[in-house]
């Protein structure tokens, strides 16, 4: 299972700002850089209208609150809640 979280420019991103991805308050990615490089399952895909946080081979520990925040005087964010249900049998 893969998890995809996408934020688009027309939602709230303006030129010159940086996106920050967090999980349960811990920074995962800043702009297009994943902070914990040892976790190769996580990556950020840059696109013309925003970016996408991708978690490959999702596990139960990947469940939680994922926030995409834009750097600004008044930070703005969108929260995604991810639940992992397990494998289908």
C-alpha atoms as a PDB file:
ATOM      1  CA  UNK A   1       0.000   0.000   0.000  1.00  0.00           C
ATOM      2  CA  UNK A   2       1.230   3.488  -0.799  1.00  0.00           C
ATOM      3  CA  UNK A   3       0.058   6.740   0.787  1.00  0.00           C
ATOM      4  CA  UNK A   4      -0.150   9.891  -1.292  1.00  0.00           C
ATOM      5  CA  UNK A   5      -0.796  13.355   0.158  1.00  0.00           C
ATOM      6  CA  UNK A   6      -0.994  16.208  -2.310  1.00  0.00           C
ATOM      7  CA  UNK A   7      -1.270  19.949  -1.871  1.00  0.00           C
ATOM      8  CA  UNK A   8      -2.020  22.112  -4.873  1.00  0.00           C
ATOM      9  CA  UNK A   9      -1.074  25.667  -5.644  1.00  0.00           C
ATOM     10  CA  UNK A  10      -4.681  26.749  -6.029  1.00  0.00           C
ATOM     11  CA  UNK A  11      -5.406  25.604  -2.453  1.00  0.00           C
ATOM     12  CA  UNK A  12      -3.137  28.013  -0.625  1.00  0.00           C
ATOM     13  CA  UNK A  13       0.400  28.012  -2.059  1.00  0.00           C
ATOM     14  CA  UNK A  14       1.932  31.180  -3.457  1.00  0.00           C
ATOM     15  CA  UNK A  15       5.256  31.737  -5.198  1.00  0.00           C
ATOM     16  CA  UNK A  16       8.176  32.229  -2.815  1.00  0.00           C
ATOM     17  CA  UNK A  17       6.745  30.123   0.004  1.00  0.00           C
ATOM     18  CA  UNK A  18       7.906  26.733   1.221  1.00  0.00           C
ATOM     19  CA  UNK A  19       5.798  23.700   2.076  1.00  0.00           C
ATOM     20  CA  UNK A  20       6.470  21.837   5.302  1.00  0.00           C
ATOM     21  CA  UNK A  21       5.149  18.298   5.815  1.00  0.00           C
ATOM     22  CA  UNK A  22       4.732  17.077   9.406  1.00  0.00           C
ATOM     23  CA  UNK A  23       3.456  13.874  10.996  1.00  0.00           C
ATOM     24  CA  UNK A  24       2.108  14.151  14.527  1.00  0.00           C
ATOM     25  CA  UNK A  25       4.103  17.389  14.944  1.00  0.00           C
ATOM     26  CA  UNK A  26       7.431  15.967  13.678  1.00  0.00           C
ATOM     27  CA  UNK A  27       8.902  17.500  10.523  1.00  0.00           C
ATOM     28  CA  UNK A  28       9.069  15.010   7.629  1.00  0.00           C
ATOM     29  CA  UNK A  29       9.951  17.265   4.721  1.00  0.00           C
ATOM     30  CA  UNK A  30      10.802  20.876   4.039  1.00  0.00           C
ATOM     31  CA  UNK A  31      10.194  21.926   0.464  1.00  0.00           C
ATOM     32  CA  UNK A  32      11.291  18.967  -1.636  1.00  0.00           C
ATOM     33  CA  UNK A  33      13.775  17.619   0.953  1.00  0.00           C
ATOM     34  CA  UNK A  34      12.873  14.665   3.164  1.00  0.00           C
ATOM     35  CA  UNK A  35      14.424  15.266   6.590  1.00  0.00           C
ATOM     36  CA  UNK A  36      15.137  11.642   7.556  1.00  0.00           C
ATOM     37  CA  UNK A  37      17.062  10.338   4.569  1.00  0.00           C
ATOM     38  CA  UNK A  38      17.483   6.886   6.095  1.00  0.00           C
ATOM     39  CA  UNK A  39      13.756   6.239   5.544  1.00  0.00           C
ATOM     40  CA  UNK A  40      13.780   5.616   1.810  1.00  0.00           C
ATOM     41  CA  UNK A  41      10.039   4.881   1.791  1.00  0.00           C
ATOM     42  CA  UNK A  42       9.262   8.612   2.074  1.00  0.00           C
ATOM     43  CA  UNK A  43       9.753  11.064  -0.753  1.00  0.00           C
ATOM     44  CA  UNK A  44       8.368  14.359  -1.977  1.00  0.00           C
ATOM     45  CA  UNK A  45       7.451  14.664  -5.628  1.00  0.00           C
ATOM     46  CA  UNK A  46       7.600  18.243  -6.893  1.00  0.00           C
ATOM     47  CA  UNK A  47       4.967  19.180  -9.428  1.00  0.00           C
ATOM     48  CA  UNK A  48       4.089  22.391 -11.205  1.00  0.00           C
ATOM     49  CA  UNK A  49       1.094  23.027  -8.955  1.00  0.00           C
ATOM     50  CA  UNK A  50       2.459  21.919  -5.560  1.00  0.00           C
ATOM     51  CA  UNK A  51       3.987  18.727  -4.244  1.00  0.00           C
ATOM     52  CA  UNK A  52       3.044  15.253  -3.103  1.00  0.00           C
ATOM     53  CA  UNK A  53       4.263  13.379  -0.032  1.00  0.00           C
ATOM     54  CA  UNK A  54       4.568   9.698  -0.953  1.00  0.00           C
ATOM     55  CA  UNK A  55       5.048   6.890   1.580  1.00  0.00           C
ATOM     56  CA  UNK A  56       5.702   3.563  -0.126  1.00  0.00           C
ATOM     57  CA  UNK A  57       4.869   0.246   1.521  1.00  0.00           C
ATOM     58  CA  UNK A  58       2.865   1.887   4.311  1.00  0.00           C
ATOM     59  CA  UNK A  59       2.913   0.238   7.738  1.00  0.00           C
ATOM     60  CA  UNK A  60       0.775   0.600  10.855  1.00  0.00           C
ATOM     61  CA  UNK A  61       3.336   3.060  12.268  1.00  0.00           C
ATOM     62  CA  UNK A  62       2.617   5.391   9.317  1.00  0.00           C
ATOM     63  CA  UNK A  63      -0.901   6.067  10.623  1.00  0.00           C
ATOM     64  CA  UNK A  64      -1.427   9.500  12.144  1.00  0.00           C
ATOM     65  CA  UNK A  65      -2.026  13.175  11.452  1.00  0.00           C
ATOM     66  CA  UNK A  66      -0.132  14.572   8.475  1.00  0.00           C
ATOM     67  CA  UNK A  67      -0.048  18.353   8.125  1.00  0.00           C
ATOM     68  CA  UNK A  68       1.026  20.271   5.059  1.00  0.00           C
ATOM     69  CA  UNK A  69       1.951  23.794   6.159  1.00  0.00           C
ATOM     70  CA  UNK A  70       2.963  26.814   4.132  1.00  0.00           C
ATOM     71  CA  UNK A  71       5.596  29.203   5.446  1.00  0.00           C
ATOM     72  CA  UNK A  72       3.989  32.604   5.984  1.00  0.00           C
ATOM     73  CA  UNK A  73       3.506  35.276   8.653  1.00  0.00           C
ATOM     74  CA  UNK A  74       0.371  33.407   9.694  1.00  0.00           C
ATOM     75  CA  UNK A  75       1.100  29.715   9.050  1.00  0.00           C
ATOM     76  CA  UNK A  76      -1.670  27.917   7.186  1.00  0.00           C
ATOM     77  CA  UNK A  77      -1.994  24.158   7.060  1.00  0.00           C
ATOM     78  CA  UNK A  78      -4.176  21.328   5.854  1.00  0.00           C
ATOM     79  CA  UNK A  79      -4.461  18.182   7.970  1.00  0.00           C
ATOM     80  CA  UNK A  80      -4.720  14.689   6.521  1.00  0.00           C
ATOM     81  CA  UNK A  81      -5.643  11.818   8.833  1.00  0.00           C
ATOM     82  CA  UNK A  82      -4.195   8.485   7.719  1.00  0.00           C
ATOM     83  CA  UNK A  83      -5.428   5.135   9.044  1.00  0.00           C
ATOM     84  CA  UNK A  84      -3.780   1.855   8.079  1.00  0.00           C
ATOM     85  CA  UNK A  85      -6.283  -0.994   7.986  1.00  0.00           C
ATOM     86  CA  UNK A  86      -3.961  -3.893   7.203  1.00  0.00           C
ATOM     87  CA  UNK A  87      -3.622  -6.283   4.341  1.00  0.00           C
ATOM     88  CA  UNK A  88      -6.600  -7.618   2.451  1.00  0.00           C
ATOM     89  CA  UNK A  89      -6.913 -11.379   2.624  1.00  0.00           C
END
